[in-house]
Protein backbone atom coordinates (compact mmCIF):
# COMPACT_ATOMS: atom_id res chain seq x y z
CA LYS A 1 3.60 20.48 1.34
CA LYS A 2 4.68 16.80 0.52
CA PHE A 3 1.09 15.70 0.37
CA LYS A 4 0.27 18.44 -2.13
CA THR A 5 3.25 17.25 -4.21
CA LEU A 6 2.43 13.75 -4.16
CA LYS A 7 -1.41 14.59 -5.02
CA ALA A 8 -0.13 16.73 -7.97
CA GLU A 9 2.07 13.93 -9.21
CA GLY A 10 -0.75 11.51 -9.01
CA ASN A 11 -2.85 13.86 -10.92
CA ASP A 12 -0.32 14.29 -13.53
CA PHE A 13 0.04 10.35 -13.98
CA VAL A 14 -3.82 10.36 -14.40
CA ARG A 15 -3.81 12.82 -17.17
CA MET A 16 -1.06 10.65 -18.90
CA GLY A 17 -3.08 7.51 -18.38
CA LYS A 18 -0.54 5.78 -16.10
CA TYR A 19 -3.12 4.72 -13.55
CA GLU A 20 -0.78 2.21 -11.74
CA GLU A 21 1.70 5.08 -10.94
CA ALA A 22 -1.17 7.25 -9.95
CA VAL A 23 -2.39 4.67 -7.36
CA ASN A 24 1.05 4.55 -5.88
CA LYS A 25 1.16 8.30 -5.33
CA TYR A 26 -2.33 8.52 -4.18
CA SER A 27 -1.64 5.58 -1.62
CA GLU A 28 1.43 7.65 -0.41
CA CYS A 29 -0.73 10.60 0.22
CA MET A 30 -3.02 8.58 2.33
CA LYS A 31 -0.11 7.77 4.62
CA LEU A 32 0.08 11.36 5.35
CA ASN A 33 -3.53 12.29 5.54
CA THR A 34 -6.46 9.86 5.76
CA GLU A 35 -9.22 12.40 5.83
CA GLU A 36 -8.83 13.92 2.39
CA CYS A 37 -11.65 12.49 0.28
CA THR A 38 -10.32 13.67 -2.98
CA ILE A 39 -7.42 11.28 -2.77
CA TYR A 40 -9.67 8.27 -2.32
CA THR A 41 -12.00 9.48 -5.13
CA ASN A 42 -9.09 9.99 -7.29
CA ARG A 43 -7.62 6.45 -6.58
CA ALA A 44 -10.98 4.92 -7.07
CA LEU A 45 -11.08 6.29 -10.57
CA CYS A 46 -7.63 4.74 -11.09
CA TYR A 47 -8.94 1.37 -9.74
CA LEU A 48 -12.03 1.64 -12.07
CA LYS A 49 -9.59 2.17 -15.11
CA LEU A 50 -7.54 -0.68 -14.01
CA TYR A 51 -10.59 -2.94 -13.59
CA LYS A 52 -9.94 -3.19 -9.78
CA TYR A 53 -13.68 -2.98 -8.98
CA GLU A 54 -13.62 -4.22 -5.50
CA GLU A 55 -10.74 -1.90 -4.60
CA ALA A 56 -12.55 1.20 -6.09
CA LYS A 57 -15.64 0.35 -4.16
CA GLN A 58 -13.77 0.25 -0.90
CA ASP A 59 -12.17 3.56 -1.49
CA CYS A 60 -15.72 5.10 -2.09
CA ASP A 61 -17.15 3.31 0.73
CA HIS A 62 -14.45 5.04 2.95
CA VAL A 63 -15.20 8.53 1.28
CA LEU A 64 -19.04 8.04 2.04
CA GLN A 65 -18.44 7.31 5.73
CA LEU A 66 -16.64 10.51 5.90
CA GLU A 67 -18.91 12.62 3.75
CA ASP A 68 -22.20 10.77 3.05
CA SER A 69 -23.34 13.12 0.28
CA ASN A 70 -19.82 12.83 -1.93
CA ILE A 71 -21.31 12.64 -5.37
CA LYS A 72 -18.08 11.39 -6.99
CA ALA A 73 -17.86 8.61 -4.41
CA PHE A 74 -21.45 7.64 -5.14
CA TYR A 75 -20.91 7.78 -8.93
CA ARG A 76 -17.80 5.73 -8.83
CA ARG A 77 -18.99 3.28 -6.38
CA ALA A 78 -21.86 2.72 -8.85
CA LEU A 79 -19.41 2.10 -11.66
CA ALA A 80 -17.32 -0.36 -9.54
CA TYR A 81 -20.81 -2.47 -8.62
CA LYS A 82 -21.64 -2.25 -12.39
CA GLY A 83 -17.99 -3.63 -13.09
CA LEU A 84 -18.49 -6.26 -10.38
CA GLN A 85 -21.80 -7.47 -11.87
CA VAL A 86 -20.21 -7.70 -15.22
CA ARG A 87 -17.31 -9.66 -14.14
CA THR A 88 -19.54 -12.13 -11.87
CA LYS A 89 -21.73 -12.72 -15.08
CA THR A 90 -18.70 -13.19 -17.27
CA LEU A 91 -17.02 -15.71 -14.70
CA ALA A 92 -20.40 -17.59 -14.53
CA GLY A 93 -20.54 -17.79 -18.25
CA ILE A 94 -23.84 -16.07 -18.72
């Protein structure tokens, strides 16, 4: 029950554009259940919005270990890789 409440609160924060708060709620959910892939893909979305590409990639990697055909995880991991490449080029001054 607490898990569902935390997940719903996280989803509400995402709808409001409060991604840091949503990350906190999803992270609390993970303490209760590490097998729920939706929480990881939701948190990855928040990390992408916060330009935290490495964290987003790690969440997606975790999901793909549990469900190797999770489309959201593949898509968000691709966005994370793209963000990491852009950041690397920017830092290199290209």
